[in-house]
Amino acid sequence: MLEDIREMYDESITIDDVKERIGIPQIDPELGTVTYCEQTFDYTHIFCFEFWDDEFEDLNYFAIDG
């Protein structure tokens, strides 16, 4: 996820920047998705990914939509 955000916005973005700017997640356990609609990198795009376990250790298909 960090690499995708760096590619789109700025290579110097750190994990702390992401934590500060990503916003509140919307977690849908039935679909196994997490969506961030309130990120402050550009206020336009929606970030989302799928998770395959309850520990959020296996994150897949990160996308920046919008």
PDB file of N, CA and C in Angstrom:
ATOM      1  N   MET A   1       0.822  -1.181   0.000  1.00  0.00           N
ATOM      2  CA  MET A   1       0.000   0.000   0.000  1.00  0.00           C
ATOM      3  C   MET A   1       0.872   1.253   0.000  1.00  0.00           C
ATOM      4  N   LEU A   2       1.901   1.269   0.813  1.00  0.00           N
ATOM      5  CA  LEU A   2       2.777   2.440   0.892  1.00  0.00           C
ATOM      6  C   LEU A   2       3.426   2.720  -0.463  1.00  0.00           C
ATOM      7  N   GLU A   3       3.886   1.682  -1.140  1.00  0.00           N
ATOM      8  CA  GLU A   3       4.535   1.878  -2.438  1.00  0.00           C
ATOM      9  C   GLU A   3       3.573   2.467  -3.466  1.00  0.00           C
ATOM     10  N   ASP A   4       2.321   2.017  -3.455  1.00  0.00           N
ATOM     11  CA  ASP A   4       1.323   2.558  -4.383  1.00  0.00           C
ATOM     12  C   ASP A   4       1.050   4.034  -4.105  1.00  0.00           C
ATOM     13  N   ILE A   5       0.956   4.386  -2.839  1.00  0.00           N
ATOM     14  CA  ILE A   5       0.715   5.785  -2.465  1.00  0.00           C
ATOM     15  C   ILE A   5       1.914   6.645  -2.849  1.00  0.00           C
ATOM     16  N   ARG A   6       3.114   6.136  -2.617  1.00  0.00           N
ATOM     17  CA  ARG A   6       4.315   6.883  -3.009  1.00  0.00           C
ATOM     18  C   ARG A   6       4.363   7.102  -4.517  1.00  0.00           C
ATOM     19  N   GLU A   7       4.002   6.071  -5.267  1.00  0.00           N
ATOM     20  CA  GLU A   7       4.031   6.177  -6.726  1.00  0.00           C
ATOM     21  C   GLU A   7       3.065   7.251  -7.231  1.00  0.00           C
ATOM     22  N   MET A   8       1.920   7.346  -6.600  1.00  0.00           N
ATOM     23  CA  MET A   8       0.907   8.288  -7.070  1.00  0.00           C
ATOM     24  C   MET A   8       1.131   9.715  -6.559  1.00  0.00           C
ATOM     25  N   TYR A   9       1.648   9.860  -5.349  1.00  0.00           N
ATOM     26  CA  TYR A   9       1.713  11.186  -4.730  1.00  0.00           C
ATOM     27  C   TYR A   9       3.127  11.718  -4.553  1.00  0.00           C
ATOM     28  N   ASP A  10       3.990  10.974  -3.890  1.00  0.00           N
ATOM     29  CA  ASP A  10       5.327  11.500  -3.616  1.00  0.00           C
ATOM     30  C   ASP A  10       6.186  10.381  -3.044  1.00  0.00           C
ATOM     31  N   GLU A  11       7.358  10.214  -3.600  1.00  0.00           N
ATOM     32  CA  GLU A  11       8.267   9.157  -3.149  1.00  0.00           C
ATOM     33  C   GLU A  11       8.728   9.342  -1.703  1.00  0.00           C
ATOM     34  N   SER A  12       8.647  10.556  -1.180  1.00  0.00           N
ATOM     35  CA  SER A  12       9.154  10.812   0.171  1.00  0.00           C
ATOM     36  C   SER A  12       8.119  10.548   1.268  1.00  0.00           C
ATOM     37  N   ILE A  13       6.916  10.116   0.904  1.00  0.00           N
ATOM     38  CA  ILE A  13       5.878   9.838   1.901  1.00  0.00           C
ATOM     39  C   ILE A  13       6.326   8.686   2.794  1.00  0.00           C
ATOM     40  N   THR A  14       6.151   8.872   4.089  1.00  0.00           N
ATOM     41  CA  THR A  14       6.529   7.842   5.060  1.00  0.00           C
ATOM     42  C   THR A  14       5.284   7.133   5.586  1.00  0.00           C
ATOM     43  N   ILE A  15       5.498   6.054   6.300  1.00  0.00           N
ATOM     44  CA  ILE A  15       4.379   5.328   6.906  1.00  0.00           C
ATOM     45  C   ILE A  15       3.657   6.222   7.911  1.00  0.00           C
ATOM     46  N   ASP A  16       4.379   7.088   8.596  1.00  0.00           N
ATOM     47  CA  ASP A  16       3.740   8.020   9.533  1.00  0.00           C
ATOM     48  C   ASP A  16       2.848   9.023   8.796  1.00  0.00           C
ATOM     49  N   ASP A  17       3.282   9.464   7.607  1.00  0.00           N
ATOM     50  CA  ASP A  17       2.431  10.338   6.790  1.00  0.00           C
ATOM     51  C   ASP A  17       1.128   9.631   6.437  1.00  0.00           C
ATOM     52  N   VAL A  18       1.229   8.375   6.049  1.00  0.00           N
ATOM     53  CA  VAL A  18       0.037   7.607   5.680  1.00  0.00           C
ATOM     54  C   VAL A  18      -0.890   7.471   6.876  1.00  0.00           C
ATOM     55  N   LYS A  19      -0.350   7.124   8.026  1.00  0.00           N
ATOM     56  CA  LYS A  19      -1.176   6.972   9.229  1.00  0.00           C
ATOM     57  C   LYS A  19      -1.919   8.264   9.564  1.00  0.00           C
ATOM     58  N   GLU A  20      -1.259   9.383   9.359  1.00  0.00           N
ATOM     59  CA  GLU A  20      -1.850  10.682   9.684  1.00  0.00           C
ATOM     60  C   GLU A  20      -2.915  11.109   8.673  1.00  0.00           C
ATOM     61  N   ARG A  21      -2.740  10.729   7.404  1.00  0.00           N
ATOM     62  CA  ARG A  21      -3.578  11.284   6.342  1.00  0.00           C
ATOM     63  C   ARG A  21      -4.592  10.321   5.730  1.00  0.00           C
ATOM     64  N   ILE A  22      -4.567   9.053   6.128  1.00  0.00           N
ATOM     65  CA  ILE A  22      -5.417   8.078   5.446  1.00  0.00           C
ATOM     66  C   ILE A  22      -6.883   8.145   5.869  1.00  0.00           C
ATOM     67  N   GLY A  23      -7.167   8.651   7.047  1.00  0.00           N
ATOM     68  CA  GLY A  23      -8.556   8.793   7.486  1.00  0.00           C
ATOM     69  C   GLY A  23      -9.081   7.555   8.199  1.00  0.00           C
ATOM     70  N   ILE A  24     -10.372   7.537   8.395  1.00  0.00           N
ATOM     71  CA  ILE A  24     -11.039   6.461   9.138  1.00  0.00           C
ATOM     72  C   ILE A  24     -11.468   5.369   8.164  1.00  0.00           C
ATOM     73  N   PRO A  25     -11.143   4.110   8.462  1.00  0.00           N
ATOM     74  CA  PRO A  25     -11.519   3.031   7.546  1.00  0.00           C
ATOM     75  C   PRO A  25     -12.983   2.642   7.688  1.00  0.00           C
ATOM     76  N   GLN A  26     -13.547   2.208   6.587  1.00  0.00           N
ATOM     77  CA  GLN A  26     -14.857   1.559   6.590  1.00  0.00           C
ATOM     78  C   GLN A  26     -14.581   0.087   6.306  1.00  0.00           C
ATOM     79  N   ILE A  27     -14.824  -0.761   7.294  1.00  0.00           N
ATOM     80  CA  ILE A  27     -14.509  -2.184   7.187  1.00  0.00           C
ATOM     81  C   ILE A  27     -15.788  -2.961   6.935  1.00  0.00           C
ATOM     82  N   ASP A  28     -15.784  -3.759   5.876  1.00  0.00           N
ATOM     83  CA  ASP A  28     -16.930  -4.607   5.551  1.00  0.00           C
ATOM     84  C   ASP A  28     -16.495  -6.060   5.682  1.00  0.00           C
ATOM     85  N   PRO A  29     -16.763  -6.684   6.840  1.00  0.00           N
ATOM     86  CA  PRO A  29     -16.301  -8.055   7.066  1.00  0.00           C
ATOM     87  C   PRO A  29     -16.944  -9.072   6.124  1.00  0.00           C
ATOM     88  N   GLU A  30     -18.164  -8.808   5.680  1.00  0.00           N
ATOM     89  CA  GLU A  30     -18.830  -9.748   4.774  1.00  0.00           C
ATOM     90  C   GLU A  30     -18.150  -9.791   3.410  1.00  0.00           C
ATOM     91  N   LEU A  31     -17.724  -8.640   2.926  1.00  0.00           N
ATOM     92  CA  LEU A  31     -17.032  -8.579   1.641  1.00  0.00           C
ATOM     93  C   LEU A  31     -15.520  -8.716   1.786  1.00  0.00           C
ATOM     94  N   GLY A  32     -15.022  -8.561   3.017  1.00  0.00           N
ATOM     95  CA  GLY A  32     -13.585  -8.625   3.246  1.00  0.00           C
ATOM     96  C   GLY A  32     -12.857  -7.434   2.647  1.00  0.00           C
ATOM     97  N   THR A  33     -13.467  -6.248   2.784  1.00  0.00           N
ATOM     98  CA  THR A  33     -12.853  -5.048   2.213  1.00  0.00           C
ATOM     99  C   THR A  33     -12.695  -3.944   3.257  1.00  0.00           C
ATOM    100  N   VAL A  34     -11.705  -3.117   3.025  1.00  0.00           N
ATOM    101  CA  VAL A  34     -11.490  -1.908   3.817  1.00  0.00           C
ATOM    102  C   VAL A  34     -11.422  -0.749   2.829  1.00  0.00           C
ATOM    103  N   THR A  35     -12.173   0.309   3.111  1.00  0.00           N
ATOM    104  CA  THR A  35     -12.230   1.468   2.231  1.00  0.00           C
ATOM    105  C   THR A  35     -11.939   2.727   3.042  1.00  0.00           C
ATOM    106  N   TYR A  36     -11.123   3.594   2.472  1.00  0.00           N
ATOM    107  CA  TYR A  36     -10.818   4.894   3.078  1.00  0.00           C
ATOM    108  C   TYR A  36     -11.371   5.975   2.160  1.00  0.00           C
ATOM    109  N   CYS A  37     -12.453   6.602   2.559  1.00  0.00           N
ATOM    110  CA  CYS A  37     -13.107   7.635   1.742  1.00  0.00           C
ATOM    111  C   CYS A  37     -12.692   9.046   2.132  1.00  0.00           C
ATOM    112  N   GLU A  38     -12.019   9.210   3.264  1.00  0.00           N
ATOM    113  CA  GLU A  38     -11.709  10.544   3.785  1.00  0.00           C
ATOM    114  C   GLU A  38     -10.216  10.836   3.820  1.00  0.00           C
ATOM    115  N   GLN A  39      -9.447  10.215   2.945  1.00  0.00           N
ATOM    116  CA  GLN A  39      -8.004  10.446   2.950  1.00  0.00           C
ATOM    117  C   GLN A  39      -7.716  11.895   2.579  1.00  0.00           C
ATOM    118  N   THR A  40      -6.598  12.423   3.064  1.00  0.00           N
ATOM    119  CA  THR A  40      -6.271  13.831   2.819  1.00  0.00           C
ATOM    120  C   THR A  40      -5.039  14.005   1.926  1.00  0.00           C
ATOM    121  N   PHE A  41      -4.724  13.000   1.125  1.00  0.00           N
ATOM    122  CA  PHE A  41      -3.641  13.180   0.157  1.00  0.00           C
ATOM    123  C   PHE A  41      -4.101  14.096  -0.972  1.00  0.00           C
ATOM    124  N   ASP A  42      -5.362  13.925  -1.417  1.00  0.00           N
ATOM    125  CA  ASP A  42      -5.886  14.789  -2.473  1.00  0.00           C
ATOM    126  C   ASP A  42      -7.391  15.047  -2.341  1.00  0.00           C
ATOM    127  N   TYR A  43      -8.039  14.459  -1.360  1.00  0.00           N
ATOM    128  CA  TYR A  43      -9.473  14.651  -1.093  1.00  0.00           C
ATOM    129  C   TYR A  43     -10.370  14.174  -2.241  1.00  0.00           C
ATOM    130  N   THR A  44      -9.836  13.485  -3.213  1.00  0.00           N
ATOM    131  CA  THR A  44     -10.601  13.074  -4.384  1.00  0.00           C
ATOM    132  C   THR A  44     -10.751  11.562  -4.494  1.00  0.00           C
ATOM    133  N   HIS A  45      -9.676  10.857  -4.293  1.00  0.00           N
ATOM    134  CA  HIS A  45      -9.660   9.421  -4.519  1.00  0.00           C
ATOM    135  C   HIS A  45     -10.113   8.632  -3.291  1.00  0.00           C
ATOM    136  N   ILE A  46     -10.514   7.410  -3.546  1.00  0.00           N
ATOM    137  CA  ILE A  46     -10.883   6.454  -2.502  1.00  0.00           C
ATOM    138  C   ILE A  46      -9.832   5.354  -2.509  1.00  0.00           C
ATOM    139  N   PHE A  47      -9.320   5.025  -1.340  1.00  0.00           N
ATOM    140  CA  PHE A  47      -8.361   3.934  -1.215  1.00  0.00           C
ATOM    141  C   PHE A  47      -9.106   2.707  -0.707  1.00  0.00           C
ATOM    142  N   CYS A  48      -8.807   1.543  -1.253  1.00  0.00           N
ATOM    143  CA  CYS A  48      -9.448   0.328  -0.753  1.00  0.00           C
ATOM    144  C   CYS A  48      -8.538  -0.878  -0.967  1.00  0.00           C
ATOM    145  N   PHE A  49      -8.765  -1.900  -0.164  1.00  0.00           N
ATOM    146  CA  PHE A  49      -8.068  -3.168  -0.325  1.00  0.00           C
ATOM    147  C   PHE A  49      -8.925  -4.280   0.241  1.00  0.00           C
ATOM    148  N   GLU A  50      -8.565  -5.512  -0.103  1.00  0.00           N
ATOM    149  CA  GLU A  50      -9.235  -6.692   0.430  1.00  0.00           C
ATOM    150  C   GLU A  50      -8.351  -7.320   1.491  1.00  0.00           C
ATOM    151  N   PHE A  51      -8.982  -7.932   2.472  1.00  0.00           N
ATOM    152  CA  PHE A  51      -8.230  -8.698   3.464  1.00  0.00           C
ATOM    153  C   PHE A  51      -8.765 -10.119   3.473  1.00  0.00           C
ATOM    154  N   TRP A  52      -7.862 -11.070   3.716  1.00  0.00           N
ATOM    155  CA  TRP A  52      -8.236 -12.480   3.638  1.00  0.00           C
ATOM    156  C   TRP A  52      -8.179 -13.182   4.982  1.00  0.00           C
ATOM    157  N   ASP A  53      -7.889 -12.448   6.036  1.00  0.00           N
ATOM    158  CA  ASP A  53      -7.885 -13.051   7.369  1.00  0.00           C
ATOM    159  C   ASP A  53      -8.328 -12.010   8.392  1.00  0.00           C
ATOM    160  N   ASP A  54      -8.680 -12.455   9.568  1.00  0.00           N
ATOM    161  CA  ASP A  54      -9.180 -11.545  10.601  1.00  0.00           C
ATOM    162  C   ASP A  54      -8.086 -10.713  11.261  1.00  0.00           C
ATOM    163  N   GLU A  55      -6.838 -11.025  10.988  1.00  0.00           N
ATOM    164  CA  GLU A  55      -5.725 -10.307  11.600  1.00  0.00           C
ATOM    165  C   GLU A  55      -5.192  -9.186  10.702  1.00  0.00           C
ATOM    166  N   PHE A  56      -5.748  -9.037   9.512  1.00  0.00           N
ATOM    167  CA  PHE A  56      -5.313  -8.037   8.535  1.00  0.00           C
ATOM    168  C   PHE A  56      -3.835  -8.188   8.187  1.00  0.00           C
ATOM    169  N   GLU A  57      -3.358  -9.427   8.178  1.00  0.00           N
ATOM    170  CA  GLU A  57      -1.965  -9.657   7.820  1.00  0.00           C
ATOM    171  C   GLU A  57      -1.807  -9.966   6.344  1.00  0.00           C
ATOM    172  N   ASP A  58      -2.878 -10.386   5.693  1.00  0.00           N
ATOM    173  CA  ASP A  58      -2.833 -10.723   4.279  1.00  0.00           C
ATOM    174  C   ASP A  58      -3.713  -9.729   3.522  1.00  0.00           C
ATOM    175  N   LEU A  59      -3.121  -8.616   3.095  1.00  0.00           N
ATOM    176  CA  LEU A  59      -3.855  -7.557   2.407  1.00  0.00           C
ATOM    177  C   LEU A  59      -3.616  -7.685   0.907  1.00  0.00           C
ATOM    178  N   ASN A  60      -4.692  -7.564   0.120  1.00  0.00           N
ATOM    179  CA  ASN A  60      -4.593  -7.801  -1.314  1.00  0.00           C
ATOM    180  C   ASN A  60      -5.357  -6.756  -2.105  1.00  0.00           C
ATOM    181  N   TYR A  61      -4.985  -6.608  -3.353  1.00  0.00           N
ATOM    182  CA  TYR A  61      -5.711  -5.801  -4.333  1.00  0.00           C
ATOM    183  C   TYR A  61      -5.925  -4.360  -3.887  1.00  0.00           C
ATOM    184  N   PHE A  62      -4.867  -3.721  -3.429  1.00  0.00           N
ATOM    185  CA  PHE A  62      -4.972  -2.308  -3.068  1.00  0.00           C
ATOM    186  C   PHE A  62      -5.285  -1.503  -4.325  1.00  0.00           C
ATOM    187  N   ALA A  63      -6.218  -0.569  -4.210  1.00  0.00           N
ATOM    188  CA  ALA A  63      -6.600   0.261  -5.352  1.00  0.00           C
ATOM    189  C   ALA A  63      -6.821   1.698  -4.907  1.00  0.00           C
ATOM    190  N   ILE A  64      -6.496   2.614  -5.801  1.00  0.00           N
ATOM    191  CA  ILE A  64      -6.789   4.027  -5.615  1.00  0.00           C
ATOM    192  C   ILE A  64      -7.787   4.380  -6.707  1.00  0.00           C
ATOM    193  N   ASP A  65      -9.019   4.644  -6.314  1.00  0.00           N
ATOM    194  CA  ASP A  65     -10.106   4.880  -7.269  1.00  0.00           C
ATOM    195  C   ASP A  65     -10.605   6.315  -7.174  1.00  0.00           C
ATOM    196  N   GLY A  66     -11.176   6.773  -8.274  1.00  0.00           N
ATOM    197  CA  GLY A  66     -11.827   8.068  -8.201  1.00  0.00           C
ATOM    198  C   GLY A  66     -11.678   8.914  -9.376  1.00  0.00           C
TER     199      GLY A  66
END
